PDB file of N, CA and C in Angstrom:
ATOM      1  N   MET A   1     123.570 177.682  25.953  1.00  0.00           N
ATOM      2  CA  MET A   1     125.013 177.716  26.011  1.00  0.00           C
ATOM      3  C   MET A   1     125.503 176.923  27.224  1.00  0.00           C
ATOM      4  N   ARG A   2     124.838 177.101  28.341  1.00  0.00           N
ATOM      5  CA  ARG A   2     125.216 176.403  29.569  1.00  0.00           C
ATOM      6  C   ARG A   2     125.180 174.893  29.372  1.00  0.00           C
ATOM      7  N   GLN A   3     124.101 174.395  28.781  1.00  0.00           N
ATOM      8  CA  GLN A   3     123.949 172.957  28.585  1.00  0.00           C
ATOM      9  C   GLN A   3     124.984 172.412  27.606  1.00  0.00           C
ATOM     10  N   ILE A   4     125.315 173.183  26.596  1.00  0.00           N
ATOM     11  CA  ILE A   4     126.315 172.754  25.623  1.00  0.00           C
ATOM     12  C   ILE A   4     127.663 172.589  26.310  1.00  0.00           C
ATOM     13  N   LEU A   5     128.054 173.579  27.117  1.00  0.00           N
ATOM     14  CA  LEU A   5     129.321 173.502  27.838  1.00  0.00           C
ATOM     15  C   LEU A   5     129.348 172.313  28.794  1.00  0.00           C
ATOM     16  N   LEU A   6     128.268 172.105  29.498  1.00  0.00           N
ATOM     17  CA  LEU A   6     128.220 171.013  30.467  1.00  0.00           C
ATOM     18  C   LEU A   6     128.234 169.651  29.777  1.00  0.00           C
ATOM     19  N   ASP A   7     127.563 169.535  28.642  1.00  0.00           N
ATOM     20  CA  ASP A   7     127.604 168.284  27.893  1.00  0.00           C
ATOM     21  C   ASP A   7     129.026 167.979  27.420  1.00  0.00           C
ATOM     22  N   LEU A   8     129.740 169.018  26.988  1.00  0.00           N
ATOM     23  CA  LEU A   8     131.125 168.823  26.564  1.00  0.00           C
ATOM     24  C   LEU A   8     132.004 168.375  27.727  1.00  0.00           C
ATOM     25  N   VAL A   9     131.792 168.965  28.899  1.00  0.00           N
ATOM     26  CA  VAL A   9     132.559 168.588  30.083  1.00  0.00           C
ATOM     27  C   VAL A   9     132.296 167.136  30.441  1.00  0.00           C
ATOM     28  N   LYS A  10     131.035 166.742  30.453  1.00  0.00           N
ATOM     29  CA  LYS A  10     130.680 165.366  30.799  1.00  0.00           C
ATOM     30  C   LYS A  10     131.263 164.388  29.793  1.00  0.00           C
ATOM     31  N   GLN A  11     131.237 164.756  28.520  1.00  0.00           N
ATOM     32  CA  GLN A  11     131.776 163.887  27.483  1.00  0.00           C
ATOM     33  C   GLN A  11     133.284 163.705  27.665  1.00  0.00           C
ATOM     34  N   LYS A  12     133.983 164.773  28.003  1.00  0.00           N
ATOM     35  CA  LYS A  12     135.429 164.697  28.171  1.00  0.00           C
ATOM     36  C   LYS A  12     135.822 163.883  29.393  1.00  0.00           C
ATOM     37  N   ARG A  13     134.943 163.772  30.384  1.00  0.00           N
ATOM     38  CA  ARG A  13     135.253 163.036  31.601  1.00  0.00           C
ATOM     39  C   ARG A  13     135.042 161.535  31.459  1.00  0.00           C
ATOM     40  N   ARG A  14     134.353 161.115  30.414  1.00  0.00           N
ATOM     41  CA  ARG A  14     134.105 159.685  30.219  1.00  0.00           C
ATOM     42  C   ARG A  14     135.417 158.958  29.966  1.00  0.00           C
ATOM     43  N   LEU A  15     135.513 157.727  30.461  1.00  0.00           N
ATOM     44  CA  LEU A  15     136.728 156.928  30.299  1.00  0.00           C
ATOM     45  C   LEU A  15     137.067 156.715  28.835  1.00  0.00           C
ATOM     46  N   LYS A  16     136.046 156.555  28.030  1.00  0.00           N
ATOM     47  CA  LYS A  16     136.242 156.343  26.600  1.00  0.00           C
ATOM     48  C   LYS A  16     137.017 157.509  25.970  1.00  0.00           C
ATOM     49  N   HIS A  17     136.850 158.692  26.549  1.00  0.00           N
ATOM     50  CA  HIS A  17     137.489 159.895  26.021  1.00  0.00           C
ATOM     51  C   HIS A  17     138.667 160.346  26.875  1.00  0.00           C
ATOM     52  N   GLY A  18     139.223 159.460  27.671  1.00  0.00           N
ATOM     53  CA  GLY A  18     140.399 159.817  28.432  1.00  0.00           C
ATOM     54  C   GLY A  18     140.148 160.015  29.907  1.00  0.00           C
ATOM     55  N   GLY A  19     138.897 160.003  30.342  1.00  0.00           N
ATOM     56  CA  GLY A  19     138.566 160.120  31.756  1.00  0.00           C
ATOM     57  C   GLY A  19     139.183 161.322  32.420  1.00  0.00           C
ATOM     58  N   GLU A  20     140.031 161.071  33.398  1.00  0.00           N
ATOM     59  CA  GLU A  20     140.630 162.147  34.185  1.00  0.00           C
ATOM     60  C   GLU A  20     141.909 162.715  33.566  1.00  0.00           C
ATOM     61  N   GLN A  21     142.319 162.201  32.424  1.00  0.00           N
ATOM     62  CA  GLN A  21     143.532 162.721  31.800  1.00  0.00           C
ATOM     63  C   GLN A  21     143.301 164.159  31.358  1.00  0.00           C
ATOM     64  N   ARG A  22     144.323 164.950  31.475  1.00  0.00           N
ATOM     65  CA  ARG A  22     144.221 166.350  31.063  1.00  0.00           C
ATOM     66  C   ARG A  22     144.903 166.535  29.709  1.00  0.00           C
ATOM     67  N   ARG A  23     144.255 167.276  28.867  1.00  0.00           N
ATOM     68  CA  ARG A  23     144.782 167.553  27.542  1.00  0.00           C
ATOM     69  C   ARG A  23     145.461 168.912  27.580  1.00  0.00           C
ATOM     70  N   THR A  24     146.616 169.015  26.980  1.00  0.00           N
ATOM     71  CA  THR A  24     147.336 170.277  26.943  1.00  0.00           C
ATOM     72  C   THR A  24     147.411 170.738  25.502  1.00  0.00           C
ATOM     73  N   GLU A  25     146.976 171.964  25.295  1.00  0.00           N
ATOM     74  CA  GLU A  25     147.022 172.528  23.951  1.00  0.00           C
ATOM     75  C   GLU A  25     147.701 173.878  24.003  1.00  0.00           C
ATOM     76  N   LEU A  26     148.413 174.213  22.964  1.00  0.00           N
ATOM     77  CA  LEU A  26     148.999 175.535  22.861  1.00  0.00           C
ATOM     78  C   LEU A  26     147.975 176.456  22.221  1.00  0.00           C
ATOM     79  N   SER A  27     147.758 177.585  22.849  1.00  0.00           N
ATOM     80  CA  SER A  27     146.804 178.536  22.286  1.00  0.00           C
ATOM     81  C   SER A  27     147.205 179.940  22.695  1.00  0.00           C
ATOM     82  N   ASP A  28     146.489 180.893  22.162  1.00  0.00           N
ATOM     83  CA  ASP A  28     146.738 182.290  22.495  1.00  0.00           C
ATOM     84  C   ASP A  28     146.031 182.711  23.770  1.00  0.00           C
ATOM     85  N   ALA A  29     145.264 181.818  24.365  1.00  0.00           N
ATOM     86  CA  ALA A  29     144.511 182.151  25.578  1.00  0.00           C
ATOM     87  C   ALA A  29     145.468 182.409  26.734  1.00  0.00           C
ATOM     88  N   GLU A  30     145.016 183.251  27.660  1.00  0.00           N
ATOM     89  CA  GLU A  30     145.820 183.538  28.843  1.00  0.00           C
ATOM     90  C   GLU A  30     145.909 182.302  29.720  1.00  0.00           C
ATOM     91  N   PRO A  31     147.051 182.078  30.365  1.00  0.00           N
ATOM     92  CA  PRO A  31     147.162 180.944  31.270  1.00  0.00           C
ATOM     93  C   PRO A  31     146.170 181.076  32.413  1.00  0.00           C
ATOM     94  N   GLY A  32     145.511 179.995  32.753  1.00  0.00           N
ATOM     95  CA  GLY A  32     144.541 180.014  33.845  1.00  0.00           C
ATOM     96  C   GLY A  32     143.188 180.562  33.445  1.00  0.00           C
ATOM     97  N   ALA A  33     143.001 180.876  32.156  1.00  0.00           N
ATOM     98  CA  ALA A  33     141.734 181.449  31.714  1.00  0.00           C
ATOM     99  C   ALA A  33     140.628 180.404  31.670  1.00  0.00           C
ATOM    100  N   GLN A  34     140.998 179.125  31.566  1.00  0.00           N
ATOM    101  CA  GLN A  34     139.992 178.070  31.506  1.00  0.00           C
ATOM    102  C   GLN A  34     139.656 177.587  32.906  1.00  0.00           C
ATOM    103  N   VAL A  35     138.399 177.247  33.100  1.00  0.00           N
ATOM    104  CA  VAL A  35     137.943 176.738  34.383  1.00  0.00           C
ATOM    105  C   VAL A  35     138.134 175.227  34.396  1.00  0.00           C
ATOM    106  N   PRO A  36     138.741 174.657  35.459  1.00  0.00           N
ATOM    107  CA  PRO A  36     138.889 173.198  35.528  1.00  0.00           C
ATOM    108  C   PRO A  36     137.534 172.500  35.444  1.00  0.00           C
ATOM    109  N   LEU A  37     137.521 171.309  34.851  1.00  0.00           N
ATOM    110  CA  LEU A  37     136.279 170.581  34.621  1.00  0.00           C
ATOM    111  C   LEU A  37     135.525 170.288  35.917  1.00  0.00           C
ATOM    112  N   ASP A  38     136.244 169.863  36.965  1.00  0.00           N
ATOM    113  CA  ASP A  38     135.583 169.558  38.238  1.00  0.00           C
ATOM    114  C   ASP A  38     134.912 170.796  38.816  1.00  0.00           C
ATOM    115  N   GLU A  39     135.592 171.930  38.672  1.00  0.00           N
ATOM    116  CA  GLU A  39     135.029 173.175  39.192  1.00  0.00           C
ATOM    117  C   GLU A  39     133.789 173.577  38.399  1.00  0.00           C
ATOM    118  N   LEU A  40     133.814 173.364  37.104  1.00  0.00           N
ATOM    119  CA  LEU A  40     132.660 173.679  36.269  1.00  0.00           C
ATOM    120  C   LEU A  40     131.454 172.832  36.662  1.00  0.00           C
ATOM    121  N   LEU A  41     131.668 171.551  36.938  1.00  0.00           N
ATOM    122  CA  LEU A  41     130.571 170.690  37.377  1.00  0.00           C
ATOM    123  C   LEU A  41     130.055 171.108  38.755  1.00  0.00           C
ATOM    124  N   SER A  42     130.960 171.529  39.615  1.00  0.00           N
ATOM    125  CA  SER A  42     130.564 172.009  40.937  1.00  0.00           C
ATOM    126  C   SER A  42     129.725 173.280  40.815  1.00  0.00           C
ATOM    127  N   ILE A  43     130.127 174.152  39.912  1.00  0.00           N
ATOM    128  CA  ILE A  43     129.357 175.376  39.662  1.00  0.00           C
ATOM    129  C   ILE A  43     127.973 175.023  39.131  1.00  0.00           C
ATOM    130  N   GLU A  44     127.907 174.041  38.250  1.00  0.00           N
ATOM    131  CA  GLU A  44     126.615 173.609  37.690  1.00  0.00           C
ATOM    132  C   GLU A  44     125.676 173.122  38.786  1.00  0.00           C
ATOM    133  N   ARG A  45     126.197 172.297  39.710  1.00  0.00           N
ATOM    134  CA  ARG A  45     125.355 171.800  40.814  1.00  0.00           C
ATOM    135  C   ARG A  45     124.853 172.954  41.677  1.00  0.00           C
ATOM    136  N   ALA A  46     125.760 173.869  42.007  1.00  0.00           N
ATOM    137  CA  ALA A  46     125.390 175.022  42.832  1.00  0.00           C
ATOM    138  C   ALA A  46     124.388 175.916  42.099  1.00  0.00           C
ATOM    139  N   LEU A  47     124.581 176.075  40.795  1.00  0.00           N
ATOM    140  CA  LEU A  47     123.673 176.906  40.006  1.00  0.00           C
ATOM    141  C   LEU A  47     122.277 176.289  39.936  1.00  0.00           C
ATOM    142  N   SER A  48     122.209 174.973  39.843  1.00  0.00           N
ATOM    143  CA  SER A  48     120.906 174.294  39.853  1.00  0.00           C
ATOM    144  C   SER A  48     120.192 174.517  41.178  1.00  0.00           C
ATOM    145  N   GLU A  49     120.962 174.499  42.261  1.00  0.00           N
ATOM    146  CA  GLU A  49     120.407 174.768  43.585  1.00  0.00           C
ATOM    147  C   GLU A  49     119.879 176.202  43.657  1.00  0.00           C
ATOM    148  N   LEU A  50     120.649 177.142  43.131  1.00  0.00           N
ATOM    149  CA  LEU A  50     120.235 178.549  43.115  1.00  0.00           C
ATOM    150  C   LEU A  50     118.988 178.730  42.264  1.00  0.00           C
ATOM    151  N   GLU A  51     118.925 178.025  41.160  1.00  0.00           N
ATOM    152  CA  GLU A  51     117.776 178.108  40.253  1.00  0.00           C
ATOM    153  C   GLU A  51     116.481 177.710  40.965  1.00  0.00           C
ATOM    154  N   GLY A  52     116.589 176.726  41.849  1.00  0.00           N
ATOM    155  CA  GLY A  52     115.422 176.293  42.607  1.00  0.00           C
ATOM    156  C   GLY A  52     114.955 177.326  43.606  1.00  0.00           C
ATOM    157  N   GLN A  53     115.870 178.152  44.101  1.00  0.00           N
ATOM    158  CA  GLN A  53     115.517 179.154  45.103  1.00  0.00           C
ATOM    159  C   GLN A  53     115.240 180.527  44.508  1.00  0.00           C
ATOM    160  N   ASP A  54     116.014 180.920  43.492  1.00  0.00           N
ATOM    161  CA  ASP A  54     115.838 182.240  42.886  1.00  0.00           C
ATOM    162  C   ASP A  54     116.232 182.191  41.410  1.00  0.00           C
ATOM    163  N   PRO A  55     115.268 181.899  40.541  1.00  0.00           N
ATOM    164  CA  PRO A  55     115.566 181.764  39.108  1.00  0.00           C
ATOM    165  C   PRO A  55     116.182 183.024  38.480  1.00  0.00           C
ATOM    166  N   GLU A  56     115.812 184.203  38.979  1.00  0.00           N
ATOM    167  CA  GLU A  56     116.362 185.439  38.416  1.00  0.00           C
ATOM    168  C   GLU A  56     117.857 185.572  38.702  1.00  0.00           C
ATOM    169  N   LEU A  57     118.269 185.194  39.902  1.00  0.00           N
ATOM    170  CA  LEU A  57     119.698 185.223  40.230  1.00  0.00           C
ATOM    171  C   LEU A  57     120.453 184.200  39.383  1.00  0.00           C
ATOM    172  N   ALA A  58     119.861 183.042  39.186  1.00  0.00           N
ATOM    173  CA  ALA A  58     120.489 182.011  38.353  1.00  0.00           C
ATOM    174  C   ALA A  58     120.653 182.516  36.922  1.00  0.00           C
ATOM    175  N   GLN A  59     119.654 183.217  36.420  1.00  0.00           N
ATOM    176  CA  GLN A  59     119.725 183.797  35.069  1.00  0.00           C
ATOM    177  C   GLN A  59     120.881 184.794  34.980  1.00  0.00           C
ATOM    178  N   LEU A  60     121.036 185.612  36.005  1.00  0.00           N
ATOM    179  CA  LEU A  60     122.122 186.583  36.056  1.00  0.00           C
ATOM    180  C   LEU A  60     123.480 185.885  35.976  1.00  0.00           C
ATOM    181  N   VAL A  61     123.637 184.812  36.737  1.00  0.00           N
ATOM    182  CA  VAL A  61     124.890 184.057  36.727  1.00  0.00           C
ATOM    183  C   VAL A  61     125.136 183.468  35.346  1.00  0.00           C
ATOM    184  N   GLU A  62     124.128 182.893  34.733  1.00  0.00           N
ATOM    185  CA  GLU A  62     124.278 182.316  33.390  1.00  0.00           C
ATOM    186  C   GLU A  62     124.713 183.376  32.388  1.00  0.00           C
ATOM    187  N   TRP A  63     124.060 184.525  32.418  1.00  0.00           N
ATOM    188  CA  TRP A  63     124.400 185.586  31.476  1.00  0.00           C
ATOM    189  C   TRP A  63     125.836 186.065  31.665  1.00  0.00           C
ATOM    190  N   HIS A  64     126.231 186.227  32.927  1.00  0.00           N
ATOM    191  CA  HIS A  64     127.571 186.763  33.173  1.00  0.00           C
ATOM    192  C   HIS A  64     128.652 185.693  33.008  1.00  0.00           C
ATOM    193  N   PHE A  65     128.461 184.526  33.598  1.00  0.00           N
ATOM    194  CA  PHE A  65     129.499 183.499  33.622  1.00  0.00           C
ATOM    195  C   PHE A  65     129.574 182.697  32.322  1.00  0.00           C
ATOM    196  N   PHE A  66     128.441 182.233  31.835  1.00  0.00           N
ATOM    197  CA  PHE A  66     128.437 181.358  30.659  1.00  0.00           C
ATOM    198  C   PHE A  66     128.367 182.125  29.335  1.00  0.00           C
ATOM    199  N   VAL A  67     127.569 183.181  29.297  1.00  0.00           N
ATOM    200  CA  VAL A  67     127.423 183.940  28.049  1.00  0.00           C
ATOM    201  C   VAL A  67     128.498 185.014  27.936  1.00  0.00           C
ATOM    202  N   GLY A  68     128.960 185.543  29.075  1.00  0.00           N
ATOM    203  CA  GLY A  68     130.023 186.534  29.067  1.00  0.00           C
ATOM    204  C   GLY A  68     129.546 187.973  28.977  1.00  0.00           C
ATOM    205  N   LEU A  69     128.265 188.207  29.290  1.00  0.00           N
ATOM    206  CA  LEU A  69     127.762 189.576  29.261  1.00  0.00           C
ATOM    207  C   LEU A  69     128.347 190.374  30.421  1.00  0.00           C
ATOM    208  N   LYS A  70     128.602 191.644  30.173  1.00  0.00           N
ATOM    209  CA  LYS A  70     129.081 192.544  31.219  1.00  0.00           C
ATOM    210  C   LYS A  70     127.883 193.039  32.029  1.00  0.00           C
ATOM    211  N   PHE A  71     128.165 193.563  33.231  1.00  0.00           N
ATOM    212  CA  PHE A  71     127.087 193.998  34.109  1.00  0.00           C
ATOM    213  C   PHE A  71     126.242 195.108  33.492  1.00  0.00           C
ATOM    214  N   ASN A  72     126.857 196.015  32.763  1.00  0.00           N
ATOM    215  CA  ASN A  72     126.069 197.089  32.134  1.00  0.00           C
ATOM    216  C   ASN A  72     125.143 196.537  31.049  1.00  0.00           C
ATOM    217  N   GLU A  73     125.576 195.478  30.355  1.00  0.00           N
ATOM    218  CA  GLU A  73     124.732 194.848  29.327  1.00  0.00           C
ATOM    219  C   GLU A  73     123.552 194.115  29.976  1.00  0.00           C
ATOM    220  N   ILE A  74     123.816 193.458  31.082  1.00  0.00           N
ATOM    221  CA  ILE A  74     122.748 192.757  31.798  1.00  0.00           C
ATOM    222  C   ILE A  74     121.754 193.765  32.353  1.00  0.00           C
ATOM    223  N   ALA A  75     122.264 194.866  32.884  1.00  0.00           N
ATOM    224  CA  ALA A  75     121.395 195.915  33.428  1.00  0.00           C
ATOM    225  C   ALA A  75     120.468 196.451  32.342  1.00  0.00           C
ATOM    226  N   GLU A  76     121.004 196.636  31.161  1.00  0.00           N
ATOM    227  CA  GLU A  76     120.206 197.123  30.035  1.00  0.00           C
ATOM    228  C   GLU A  76     119.118 196.111  29.665  1.00  0.00           C
ATOM    229  N   LEU A  77     119.475 194.833  29.640  1.00  0.00           N
ATOM    230  CA  LEU A  77     118.496 193.786  29.324  1.00  0.00           C
ATOM    231  C   LEU A  77     117.369 193.728  30.352  1.00  0.00           C
ATOM    232  N   CYS A  78     117.726 193.912  31.624  1.00  0.00           N
ATOM    233  CA  CYS A  78     116.755 193.789  32.711  1.00  0.00           C
ATOM    234  C   CYS A  78     116.014 195.090  33.005  1.00  0.00           C
ATOM    235  N   GLY A  79     116.504 196.192  32.454  1.00  0.00           N
ATOM    236  CA  GLY A  79     115.883 197.483  32.744  1.00  0.00           C
ATOM    237  C   GLY A  79     116.163 197.946  34.167  1.00  0.00           C
ATOM    238  N   GLU A  80     117.317 197.581  34.693  1.00  0.00           N
ATOM    239  CA  GLU A  80     117.719 197.961  36.047  1.00  0.00           C
ATOM    240  C   GLU A  80     119.033 198.721  35.972  1.00  0.00           C
ATOM    241  N   SER A  81     119.433 199.290  37.113  1.00  0.00           N
ATOM    242  CA  SER A  81     120.712 199.983  37.148  1.00  0.00           C
ATOM    243  C   SER A  81     121.844 198.965  37.260  1.00  0.00           C
ATOM    244  N   GLU A  82     123.007 199.362  36.786  1.00  0.00           N
ATOM    245  CA  GLU A  82     124.171 198.487  36.871  1.00  0.00           C
ATOM    246  C   GLU A  82     124.511 198.198  38.330  1.00  0.00           C
ATOM    247  N   ARG A  83     124.313 199.175  39.181  1.00  0.00           N
ATOM    248  CA  ARG A  83     124.584 198.995  40.614  1.00  0.00           C
ATOM    249  C   ARG A  83     123.707 197.888  41.206  1.00  0.00           C
ATOM    250  N   SER A  84     122.425 197.859  40.835  1.00  0.00           N
ATOM    251  CA  SER A  84     121.516 196.804  41.313  1.00  0.00           C
ATOM    252  C   SER A  84     121.970 195.430  40.828  1.00  0.00           C
ATOM    253  N   ILE A  85     122.406 195.367  39.591  1.00  0.00           N
ATOM    254  CA  ILE A  85     122.877 194.099  39.027  1.00  0.00           C
ATOM    255  C   ILE A  85     124.130 193.633  39.767  1.00  0.00           C
ATOM    256  N   ARG A  86     125.035 194.549  40.061  1.00  0.00           N
ATOM    257  CA  ARG A  86     126.249 194.184  40.800  1.00  0.00           C
ATOM    258  C   ARG A  86     125.915 193.678  42.201  1.00  0.00           C
ATOM    259  N   ARG A  87     124.935 194.306  42.855  1.00  0.00           N
ATOM    260  CA  ARG A  87     124.506 193.846  44.190  1.00  0.00           C
ATOM    261  C   ARG A  87     123.923 192.440  44.102  1.00  0.00           C
ATOM    262  N   ARG A  88     123.087 192.210  43.107  1.00  0.00           N
ATOM    263  CA  ARG A  88     122.498 190.873  42.923  1.00  0.00           C
ATOM    264  C   ARG A  88     123.575 189.852  42.574  1.00  0.00           C
ATOM    265  N   TRP A  89     124.597 190.269  41.804  1.00  0.00           N
ATOM    266  CA  TRP A  89     125.708 189.386  41.472  1.00  0.00           C
ATOM    267  C   TRP A  89     126.445 188.959  42.746  1.00  0.00           C
ATOM    268  N   GLN A  90     126.681 189.913  43.644  1.00  0.00           N
ATOM    269  CA  GLN A  90     127.358 189.587  44.901  1.00  0.00           C
ATOM    270  C   GLN A  90     126.551 188.576  45.706  1.00  0.00           C
ATOM    271  N   LEU A  91     125.250 188.738  45.731  1.00  0.00           N
ATOM    272  CA  LEU A  91     124.380 187.803  46.435  1.00  0.00           C
ATOM    273  C   LEU A  91     124.447 186.413  45.792  1.00  0.00           C
ATOM    274  N   ALA A  92     124.349 186.370  44.478  1.00  0.00           N
ATOM    275  CA  ALA A  92     124.403 185.087  43.756  1.00  0.00           C
ATOM    276  C   ALA A  92     125.766 184.428  43.947  1.00  0.00           C
ATOM    277  N   ARG A  93     126.811 185.210  43.875  1.00  0.00           N
ATOM    278  CA  ARG A  93     128.172 184.682  44.034  1.00  0.00           C
ATOM    279  C   ARG A  93     128.370 184.096  45.433  1.00  0.00           C
ATOM    280  N   ALA A  94     127.881 184.803  46.449  1.00  0.00           N
ATOM    281  CA  ALA A  94     127.991 184.304  47.823  1.00  0.00           C
ATOM    282  C   ALA A  94     127.229 182.987  47.970  1.00  0.00           C
ATOM    283  N   PHE A  95     126.046 182.903  47.383  1.00  0.00           N
ATOM    284  CA  PHE A  95     125.251 181.672  47.443  1.00  0.00           C
ATOM    285  C   PHE A  95     126.010 180.524  46.776  1.00  0.00           C
ATOM    286  N   LEU A  96     126.544 180.775  45.582  1.00  0.00           N
ATOM    287  CA  LEU A  96     127.243 179.730  44.846  1.00  0.00           C
ATOM    288  C   LEU A  96     128.493 179.255  45.592  1.00  0.00           C
ATOM    289  N   LEU A  97     129.247 180.189  46.141  1.00  0.00           N
ATOM    290  CA  LEU A  97     130.451 179.815  46.883  1.00  0.00           C
ATOM    291  C   LEU A  97     130.102 178.959  48.096  1.00  0.00           C
ATOM    292  N   GLU A  98     129.045 179.329  48.782  1.00  0.00           N
ATOM    293  CA  GLU A  98     128.615 178.555  49.955  1.00  0.00           C
ATOM    294  C   GLU A  98     128.120 177.170  49.536  1.00  0.00           C
ATOM    295  N   ALA A  99     127.373 177.099  48.447  1.00  0.00           N
ATOM    296  CA  ALA A  99     126.863 175.814  47.961  1.00  0.00           C
ATOM    297  C   ALA A  99     128.017 174.921  47.502  1.00  0.00           C
ATOM    298  N   MET A 100     129.019 175.510  46.844  1.00  0.00           N
ATOM    299  CA  MET A 100     130.165 174.736  46.389  1.00  0.00           C
ATOM    300  C   MET A 100     131.011 174.269  47.575  1.00  0.00           C
ATOM    301  N   ARG A 101     131.145 175.115  48.575  1.00  0.00           N
ATOM    302  CA  ARG A 101     131.901 174.745  49.774  1.00  0.00           C
ATOM    303  C   ARG A 101     131.191 173.605  50.503  1.00  0.00           C
ATOM    304  N   GLY A 102     129.862 173.664  50.574  1.00  0.00           N
ATOM    305  CA  GLY A 102     129.072 172.617  51.219  1.00  0.00           C
ATOM    306  C   GLY A 102     129.163 171.299  50.475  1.00  0.00           C
ATOM    307  N   ALA A 103     129.287 171.352  49.160  1.00  0.00           N
ATOM    308  CA  ALA A 103     129.370 170.136  48.345  1.00  0.00           C
ATOM    309  C   ALA A 103     130.716 169.425  48.559  1.00  0.00           C
ATOM    310  N   ARG A 104     131.769 170.194  48.878  1.00  0.00           N
ATOM    311  CA  ARG A 104     133.090 169.605  49.100  1.00  0.00           C
ATOM    312  C   ARG A 104     133.209 168.960  50.462  1.00  0.00           C
ATOM    313  N   ASP A 105     132.447 169.445  51.439  1.00  0.00           N
ATOM    314  CA  ASP A 105     132.556 168.928  52.816  1.00  0.00           C
ATOM    315  C   ASP A 105     131.909 167.593  53.005  1.00  0.00           C
TER     316      ASP A 105
END
């Protein structure tokens, strides 16, 4: 799922497909529910970095962010408590935010 989303983002950024132009569509989705393309690519870079250091944390991020699983569902899959998953999520989130901040500087 992650690769499919990223391929779509890369395709939309190509000049042939409008490059940096933004497409506006009317939908039932909540305003602001979509992640900007640049931010998604930044998350991908940070996630790849996390994957190199801790593949299990990267898996957690993929399940929650890209697949949309809730923490209790992830806990069930991993055979851990929801509290442990939330703690690991905080660690992964802090790593990603720091990696994304470093990429902007």
